[in-house]
């Protein structure tokens, strides 16, 4: 039988094992590092190398917010550019349609003016032409009514319709007045009625330019629309075409044309002289004139109706020959009464270098009118020297 001391007997089964929680709380012993501070050999604490707790998620959040803002701003600019393009296209489409009508109206105005001053014009032919012109204006009015104007231009667009309406009424009124001329009490009464209808054409140019075109261009500027414009549509190249004087001459021409043949009586125009501006000198057929050339150089030709009848559409031609290709310009006197003087201006000259410093020849010629027999006073030739002012 073995003998053991009671004190040596250990009852380990009475001891409770450590819990998991206690194990987790237990700190691991620190490792001793050589060269540590103090006598206990503890490791010195150095600066932390990682980001502080909580800053990394905050940085990520700020980055995401910045990206989101950039995306939103990009979308705003993209949507704005799309809207701007759509706005530009809308105005471009509108002005394209209006400019097509403008071009047609200007062409019609030229045809109208040429018809009034055409030689040998007969009343029946003029009435037919005026009816055709009025019908064309009516068609253009219908086209203009179908144009969808952008919102800011809708009120202004009505002025465009008014201008075309005035042209239609004026052309139709001229034709109706001529057709009723036979039943009129006097020639003066017919001229007055023709003048009233002609003023509608003059008013149409004012409405188009001042009440439609200029306000429309201002709207384009206010809306920031660039690269598009609205063309002018001046119907009358010369307002004197529809003056009382012009219609008086027209009626007399139409009365003479009904009889046919060569006009009777004294007819003809003569050249009075040529004045050079801004220098203020008159050209002479006997001595050479030194002409100072500037941007506003103007040759003003004076013509006198030496006959007993009014004349219309009188051509005046000025030719400058200073070596090389001659410069030839032609203007027309719309109407000139008997014994009356009228002037035409020749401007915007671009003289070649060869024209300076040598003798130049200037010739002015007034065209022959129907029934004119004496052409001795219709032209003159002048000698000149061109210098820079």
Protein backbone atom coordinates (compact mmCIF):
# COMPACT_ATOMS: atom_id res chain seq x y z
CA UNK A 1 0.00 0.00 0.00
CA UNK A 2 1.50 3.25 -1.13
CA UNK A 3 1.72 6.12 1.21
CA UNK A 4 1.04 9.69 -0.03
CA UNK A 5 0.83 12.88 1.82
CA UNK A 6 -2.59 14.28 1.96
CA UNK A 7 -1.19 17.65 1.03
CA UNK A 8 0.18 16.29 -2.23
CA UNK A 9 -3.21 15.19 -3.44
CA UNK A 10 -4.68 17.74 -5.91
CA UNK A 11 -8.31 17.60 -6.83
CA UNK A 12 -8.11 19.34 -10.24
CA UNK A 13 -11.61 18.32 -11.16
CA UNK A 14 -12.98 20.88 -8.73
CA UNK A 15 -11.35 23.80 -10.66
CA UNK A 16 -13.65 25.49 -13.29
CA UNK A 17 -12.09 26.05 -16.75
CA UNK A 18 -11.70 29.61 -17.99
CA UNK A 19 -14.57 30.92 -20.04
CA UNK A 20 -14.17 32.03 -23.66
CA UNK A 21 -14.90 35.59 -22.61
CA UNK A 22 -12.10 35.53 -20.10
CA UNK A 23 -9.77 34.09 -22.68
CA UNK A 24 -10.60 36.88 -25.12
CA UNK A 25 -9.99 39.51 -22.47
CA UNK A 26 -6.59 38.16 -21.64
CA UNK A 27 -3.85 40.34 -23.07
CA UNK A 28 -1.01 38.72 -24.83
CA UNK A 29 2.33 39.45 -23.29
CA UNK A 30 4.32 42.09 -25.05
CA UNK A 31 7.47 41.04 -26.73
CA UNK A 32 10.58 42.63 -25.44
CA UNK A 33 12.47 44.61 -28.04
CA UNK A 34 16.11 45.40 -27.61
CA UNK A 35 16.97 49.01 -27.18
CA UNK A 36 13.66 49.91 -25.64
CA UNK A 37 13.15 52.82 -23.35
CA UNK A 38 13.33 52.31 -19.60
CA UNK A 39 14.31 49.37 -17.62
CA UNK A 40 11.20 47.35 -18.21
CA UNK A 41 12.08 46.80 -21.91
CA UNK A 42 8.70 48.07 -23.24
CA UNK A 43 8.41 48.90 -26.97
CA UNK A 44 8.26 52.64 -27.71
CA UNK A 45 5.09 53.86 -29.43
CA UNK A 46 5.72 55.37 -32.88
CA UNK A 47 3.42 57.44 -35.14
CA UNK A 48 0.48 55.65 -36.72
CA UNK A 49 0.97 54.95 -40.43
CA UNK A 50 -2.68 54.23 -41.38
CA UNK A 51 -5.57 56.69 -41.64
CA UNK A 52 -7.38 57.59 -38.46
CA UNK A 53 -10.41 55.59 -37.70
CA UNK A 54 -13.47 56.96 -39.67
CA UNK A 55 -11.60 59.21 -42.15
CA UNK A 56 -11.38 56.64 -44.95
CA UNK A 57 -15.16 56.19 -45.28
CA UNK A 58 -15.58 59.97 -45.14
CA UNK A 59 -13.08 60.46 -47.97
CA UNK A 60 -14.89 57.88 -50.03
CA UNK A 61 -18.19 59.64 -49.42
CA UNK A 62 -16.76 63.01 -50.48
CA UNK A 63 -15.38 61.47 -53.66
CA UNK A 64 -18.73 59.93 -54.54
CA UNK A 65 -20.47 63.25 -53.96
CA UNK A 66 -17.95 65.03 -56.23
CA UNK A 67 -18.50 62.45 -58.97
CA UNK A 68 -22.27 62.82 -58.62
CA UNK A 69 -22.02 66.61 -58.90
CA UNK A 70 -19.84 66.30 -62.01
CA UNK A 71 -22.36 63.96 -63.61
CA UNK A 72 -25.26 66.31 -62.83
CA UNK A 73 -23.39 69.33 -64.20
CA UNK A 74 -22.52 67.39 -67.34
CA UNK A 75 -26.14 66.43 -67.83
CA UNK A 76 -27.22 70.03 -67.39
CA UNK A 77 -24.78 71.23 -70.04
CA UNK A 78 -25.75 68.40 -72.37
CA UNK A 79 -29.45 69.13 -72.03
CA UNK A 80 -28.77 72.86 -72.50
CA UNK A 81 -26.76 72.25 -75.65
CA UNK A 82 -29.51 70.05 -77.05
CA UNK A 83 -32.10 72.71 -76.28
CA UNK A 84 -29.90 75.40 -77.85
CA UNK A 85 -29.48 73.34 -80.99
CA UNK A 86 -33.19 72.71 -81.20
CA UNK A 87 -33.88 76.43 -80.71
CA UNK A 88 -31.38 77.39 -83.41
CA UNK A 89 -32.88 74.89 -85.84
CA UNK A 90 -36.37 76.24 -85.18
CA UNK A 91 -35.36 79.82 -86.00
CA UNK A 92 -33.23 78.71 -88.96
CA UNK A 93 -36.19 76.85 -90.45
CA UNK A 94 -38.42 79.89 -89.97
CA UNK A 95 -36.01 82.38 -91.56
CA UNK A 96 -35.37 80.04 -94.48
CA UNK A 97 -39.06 80.05 -95.35
CA UNK A 98 -39.35 83.81 -94.91
CA UNK A 99 -36.26 84.48 -97.04
CA UNK A 100 -37.72 82.40 -99.86
CA UNK A 101 -40.77 84.69 -99.88
CA UNK A 102 -38.50 87.74 -99.64
CA UNK A 103 -36.51 86.67 -102.72
CA UNK A 104 -39.70 86.04 -104.69
CA UNK A 105 -41.10 89.45 -103.69
CA UNK A 106 -37.95 91.31 -104.70
CA UNK A 107 -37.95 89.57 -108.07
CA UNK A 108 -41.60 90.44 -108.55
CA UNK A 109 -40.88 94.08 -107.71
CA UNK A 110 -38.17 94.23 -110.38
CA UNK A 111 -40.54 92.76 -112.95
CA UNK A 112 -43.22 95.28 -111.96
CA UNK A 113 -40.84 98.22 -112.36
CA UNK A 114 -39.54 97.00 -115.72
CA UNK A 115 -43.08 96.56 -116.97
CA UNK A 116 -44.08 100.13 -116.12
CA UNK A 117 -41.16 101.66 -118.02
CA UNK A 118 -40.99 99.21 -120.92
CA UNK A 119 -41.09 100.87 -124.39
CA UNK A 120 -44.24 100.49 -126.46
CA UNK A 121 -46.32 99.45 -123.46
CA UNK A 122 -50.02 98.88 -124.14
CA UNK A 123 -52.75 99.22 -121.56
CA UNK A 124 -54.26 95.79 -122.19
CA UNK A 125 -50.87 94.14 -121.74
CA UNK A 126 -50.22 96.10 -118.54
CA UNK A 127 -53.59 95.14 -117.08
CA UNK A 128 -52.83 91.47 -117.77
CA UNK A 129 -49.40 91.73 -116.14
CA UNK A 130 -50.77 93.48 -113.08
CA UNK A 131 -53.36 90.74 -112.62
CA UNK A 132 -50.59 88.12 -112.81
CA UNK A 133 -48.44 90.04 -110.31
CA UNK A 134 -51.38 90.33 -107.90
CA UNK A 135 -52.04 86.61 -108.14
CA UNK A 136 -48.41 85.83 -107.32
CA UNK A 137 -48.61 88.05 -104.24
CA UNK A 138 -51.78 86.28 -103.17
CA UNK A 139 -49.99 82.94 -103.39
CA UNK A 140 -47.08 84.26 -101.35
CA UNK A 141 -49.53 85.51 -98.74
CA UNK A 142 -51.01 82.01 -98.47
CA UNK A 143 -47.50 80.56 -98.05
CA UNK A 144 -46.63 83.08 -95.36
CA UNK A 145 -49.81 82.23 -93.46
CA UNK A 146 -48.71 78.58 -93.29
CA UNK A 147 -45.34 79.41 -91.71
CA UNK A 148 -45.14 78.48 -88.02
CA UNK A 149 -43.23 81.29 -86.32
CA UNK A 150 -41.34 80.64 -83.05
CA UNK A 151 -43.16 81.95 -79.99
CA UNK A 152 -41.27 85.25 -79.58
CA UNK A 153 -41.81 86.05 -83.29
CA UNK A 154 -45.50 85.28 -83.63
CA UNK A 155 -46.72 88.83 -83.06
CA UNK A 156 -44.03 90.24 -85.36
CA UNK A 157 -44.87 87.70 -88.06
CA UNK A 158 -48.28 89.34 -88.41
CA UNK A 159 -46.52 92.42 -89.77
CA UNK A 160 -45.02 90.26 -92.51
CA UNK A 161 -48.52 89.16 -93.51
CA UNK A 162 -49.68 92.78 -93.50
CA UNK A 163 -46.84 93.83 -95.84
CA UNK A 164 -47.66 91.11 -98.37
CA UNK A 165 -51.37 91.95 -98.10
CA UNK A 166 -50.61 95.58 -98.97
CA UNK A 167 -48.67 94.50 -102.05
CA UNK A 168 -51.48 92.28 -103.21
CA UNK A 169 -54.03 95.05 -102.73
CA UNK A 170 -51.83 97.64 -104.46
CA UNK A 171 -51.18 95.51 -107.55
CA UNK A 172 -54.81 94.45 -107.84
CA UNK A 173 -55.94 98.05 -107.32
CA UNK A 174 -53.66 99.35 -110.09
CA UNK A 175 -55.07 96.82 -112.53
CA UNK A 176 -58.67 97.62 -111.59
CA UNK A 177 -58.05 101.37 -111.88
CA UNK A 178 -56.56 101.03 -115.35
CA UNK A 179 -59.44 98.82 -116.43
CA UNK A 180 -61.92 101.49 -115.28
CA UNK A 181 -59.94 104.40 -116.77
CA UNK A 182 -62.28 104.62 -119.76
CA UNK A 183 -65.26 105.45 -117.54
CA UNK A 184 -63.33 107.96 -115.43
CA UNK A 185 -64.43 111.59 -115.54
CA UNK A 186 -60.93 112.93 -116.20
CA UNK A 187 -57.35 111.89 -116.66
CA UNK A 188 -56.47 113.60 -113.40
CA UNK A 189 -58.96 111.45 -111.56
CA UNK A 190 -57.36 108.30 -112.96
CA UNK A 191 -53.88 109.50 -112.00
CA UNK A 192 -55.04 110.23 -108.46
CA UNK A 193 -56.53 106.76 -108.08
CA UNK A 194 -53.41 105.13 -109.51
CA UNK A 195 -51.29 107.11 -107.06
CA UNK A 196 -53.44 105.96 -104.14
CA UNK A 197 -52.93 102.33 -105.10
CA UNK A 198 -49.23 102.92 -105.67
CA UNK A 199 -48.87 104.26 -102.14
CA UNK A 200 -49.94 100.84 -100.86
CA UNK A 201 -46.80 99.42 -102.47
CA UNK A 202 -44.69 102.14 -100.86
CA UNK A 203 -46.30 101.43 -97.49
CA UNK A 204 -45.61 97.72 -97.86
CA UNK A 205 -41.87 98.41 -97.98
CA UNK A 206 -42.12 100.49 -94.80
CA UNK A 207 -44.09 97.80 -92.97
CA UNK A 208 -41.74 95.03 -94.06
CA UNK A 209 -38.56 96.83 -93.04
CA UNK A 210 -39.58 98.90 -90.00
CA UNK A 211 -42.40 96.87 -88.45
CA UNK A 212 -41.30 93.35 -89.35
CA UNK A 213 -37.66 92.87 -90.34
CA UNK A 214 -35.92 95.15 -87.83
CA UNK A 215 -38.01 93.94 -84.83
CA UNK A 216 -37.50 90.33 -85.94
CA UNK A 217 -33.72 90.79 -86.10
CA UNK A 218 -33.81 92.34 -82.64
CA UNK A 219 -35.69 89.28 -81.35
CA UNK A 220 -33.06 86.96 -82.83
CA UNK A 221 -30.40 88.91 -80.94
CA UNK A 222 -32.37 88.82 -77.69
CA UNK A 223 -32.86 85.07 -78.00
CA UNK A 224 -29.14 84.53 -78.62
CA UNK A 225 -29.74 82.98 -82.04
CA UNK A 226 -26.67 83.35 -84.23
CA UNK A 227 -25.90 82.42 -87.81
CA UNK A 228 -29.38 83.19 -89.18
CA UNK A 229 -30.83 86.39 -90.61
CA UNK A 230 -33.85 87.80 -92.40
CA UNK A 231 -33.33 89.32 -95.84
CA UNK A 232 -34.79 92.63 -96.88
CA UNK A 233 -37.64 92.55 -99.41
CA UNK A 234 -37.87 96.01 -100.92
CA UNK A 235 -40.55 95.83 -103.58
CA UNK A 236 -39.95 99.24 -105.17
CA UNK A 237 -36.37 99.86 -106.28
CA UNK A 238 -37.40 103.46 -106.96
CA UNK A 239 -40.43 104.94 -105.13
CA UNK A 240 -40.82 107.47 -107.94
CA UNK A 241 -42.24 104.64 -110.06
CA UNK A 242 -45.58 105.06 -108.29
CA UNK A 243 -45.57 108.85 -107.90
CA UNK A 244 -48.25 111.11 -109.38
CA UNK A 245 -45.76 112.39 -111.92
CA UNK A 246 -44.83 108.87 -113.04
CA UNK A 247 -48.47 107.85 -113.42
CA UNK A 248 -49.21 111.01 -115.41
CA UNK A 249 -46.47 110.06 -117.84
CA UNK A 250 -47.63 106.45 -117.86
CA UNK A 251 -51.17 107.42 -118.78
CA UNK A 252 -49.96 109.64 -121.59
CA UNK A 253 -47.76 106.85 -122.91
CA UNK A 254 -50.63 104.38 -122.76
CA UNK A 255 -52.89 106.81 -124.60
CA UNK A 256 -50.31 107.28 -127.32
CA UNK A 257 -49.65 103.55 -127.58
CA UNK A 258 -53.29 102.80 -128.35
CA UNK A 259 -53.01 104.60 -131.66
CA UNK A 260 -49.88 102.67 -132.66
CA UNK A 261 -47.08 103.91 -134.94
CA UNK A 262 -44.43 106.54 -134.23
CA UNK A 263 -45.29 109.11 -131.56
CA UNK A 264 -46.15 112.49 -133.04
CA UNK A 265 -44.90 115.86 -131.91
CA UNK A 266 -41.55 116.95 -130.49
CA UNK A 267 -39.80 114.29 -128.41
CA UNK A 268 -36.25 114.18 -127.09
CA UNK A 269 -33.85 114.64 -124.20
CA UNK A 270 -30.55 116.50 -124.05
CA UNK A 271 -27.42 116.31 -121.89
CA UNK A 272 -26.99 119.46 -119.79
CA UNK A 273 -23.73 118.69 -117.95
CA UNK A 274 -21.72 116.57 -115.51
CA UNK A 275 -20.81 117.68 -111.97
CA UNK A 276 -18.07 115.91 -109.96
CA UNK A 277 -18.50 115.59 -106.20
CA UNK A 278 -17.21 116.06 -103.54
CA UNK A 279 -14.57 118.05 -105.42
CA UNK A 280 -17.23 120.40 -106.75
CA UNK A 281 -16.11 120.83 -110.37
CA UNK A 282 -17.94 120.55 -113.69
CA UNK A 283 -16.49 118.58 -116.58
CA UNK A 284 -15.62 120.59 -119.68
CA UNK A 285 -15.50 119.53 -123.31
CA UNK A 286 -12.81 122.10 -124.10
CA UNK A 287 -10.26 121.67 -121.27
CA UNK A 288 -9.00 118.72 -119.26
CA UNK A 289 -10.22 118.38 -115.67
CA UNK A 290 -8.13 117.00 -112.83
CA UNK A 291 -10.37 114.76 -110.74
CA UNK A 292 -9.44 113.93 -107.15
CA UNK A 293 -10.51 110.35 -106.49
CA UNK A 294 -12.03 109.47 -103.11
CA UNK A 295 -14.38 106.81 -101.73
CA UNK A 296 -17.39 109.08 -102.26
CA UNK A 297 -16.59 110.07 -105.84
CA UNK A 298 -19.84 110.96 -107.61
CA UNK A 299 -20.55 111.92 -111.23
CA UNK A 300 -23.94 113.68 -111.29
CA UNK A 301 -25.40 113.90 -114.80
CA UNK A 302 -28.14 116.43 -115.56
CA UNK A 303 -30.60 115.70 -118.38
CA UNK A 304 -33.34 117.94 -119.76
CA UNK A 305 -36.48 116.89 -121.57
CA UNK A 306 -36.29 119.17 -124.62
CA UNK A 307 -39.52 117.85 -126.10
CA UNK A 308 -43.17 118.69 -125.60
CA UNK A 309 -44.16 115.39 -124.01
CA UNK A 310 -43.20 113.53 -120.84
CA UNK A 311 -40.75 110.66 -121.22
CA UNK A 312 -40.01 107.61 -119.12
CA UNK A 313 -37.28 105.03 -118.65
CA UNK A 314 -34.61 107.24 -120.19
CA UNK A 315 -31.20 105.46 -120.15
CA UNK A 316 -28.04 107.41 -119.29
CA UNK A 317 -24.65 105.77 -119.82
CA UNK A 318 -21.27 106.90 -118.45
CA UNK A 319 -18.03 105.38 -119.80
CA UNK A 320 -14.53 105.89 -118.36
CA UNK A 321 -11.63 104.89 -120.62
CA UNK A 322 -8.25 105.23 -118.90
CA UNK A 323 -6.40 102.35 -120.49
CA UNK A 324 -7.31 98.72 -120.15
CA UNK A 325 -10.95 97.65 -119.97
CA UNK A 326 -13.34 100.64 -120.00
CA UNK A 327 -15.70 101.14 -117.06
CA UNK A 328 -19.29 101.34 -118.29
CA UNK A 329 -22.27 102.25 -116.08
CA UNK A 330 -25.93 102.77 -117.05
CA UNK A 331 -28.70 104.35 -114.97
CA UNK A 332 -32.30 105.21 -115.87
CA UNK A 333 -34.50 108.25 -115.37
CA UNK A 334 -37.85 106.81 -114.38
CA UNK A 335 -39.95 109.76 -115.54
CA UNK A 336 -39.27 113.27 -116.77
CA UNK A 337 -41.87 115.82 -117.79
CA UNK A 338 -41.65 118.19 -120.75
CA UNK A 339 -39.03 120.97 -120.32
CA UNK A 340 -38.02 119.46 -116.96
CA UNK A 341 -34.51 118.61 -115.77
CA UNK A 342 -33.57 115.45 -113.90
CA UNK A 343 -30.33 114.04 -112.52
CA UNK A 344 -28.75 110.61 -112.15
CA UNK A 345 -25.73 109.73 -109.99
CA UNK A 346 -22.86 107.39 -110.77
CA UNK A 347 -20.96 106.27 -107.65
CA UNK A 348 -18.91 103.42 -106.13
CA UNK A 349 -16.01 103.45 -108.55
CA UNK A 350 -13.01 101.16 -108.21
CA UNK A 351 -10.50 102.65 -110.62
CA UNK A 352 -7.52 100.47 -111.61
CA UNK A 353 -3.96 101.76 -110.90
CA UNK A 354 -3.48 102.37 -114.62
CA UNK A 355 -6.16 105.08 -114.50
CA UNK A 356 -3.96 107.41 -112.43
CA UNK A 357 -1.38 109.74 -113.94
CA UNK A 358 -2.48 109.49 -117.55
CA UNK A 359 -5.09 111.04 -119.79
CA UNK A 360 -8.57 109.56 -119.40
CA UNK A 361 -11.68 109.96 -121.51
CA UNK A 362 -15.16 110.22 -119.98
CA UNK A 363 -18.17 109.84 -122.27
CA UNK A 364 -21.78 110.45 -121.24
CA UNK A 365 -24.69 109.50 -123.46
CA UNK A 366 -28.45 109.98 -123.04
CA UNK A 367 -30.48 107.28 -124.77
CA UNK A 368 -32.91 107.97 -127.56
CA UNK A 369 -36.61 108.10 -126.66
CA UNK A 370 -39.45 107.09 -129.01
CA UNK A 371 -40.14 109.81 -131.59
CA UNK A 372 -36.81 111.59 -131.02
CA UNK A 373 -35.08 112.78 -134.20
CA UNK A 374 -32.39 115.23 -133.01
CA UNK A 375 -29.54 113.37 -131.25
CA UNK A 376 -26.90 116.09 -131.48
CA UNK A 377 -27.28 117.10 -127.84
CA UNK A 378 -27.53 113.59 -126.41
CA UNK A 379 -23.86 112.95 -125.65
CA UNK A 380 -20.53 114.58 -124.80
CA UNK A 381 -16.89 113.53 -124.32
CA UNK A 382 -14.62 114.95 -121.62
CA UNK A 383 -10.86 114.72 -120.96
CA UNK A 384 -9.70 114.17 -117.37
CA UNK A 385 -6.73 113.20 -115.18
CA UNK A 386 -7.34 111.11 -112.06
CA UNK A 387 -5.31 111.74 -108.91
CA UNK A 388 -5.64 110.56 -105.32
CA UNK A 389 -7.28 113.07 -103.01
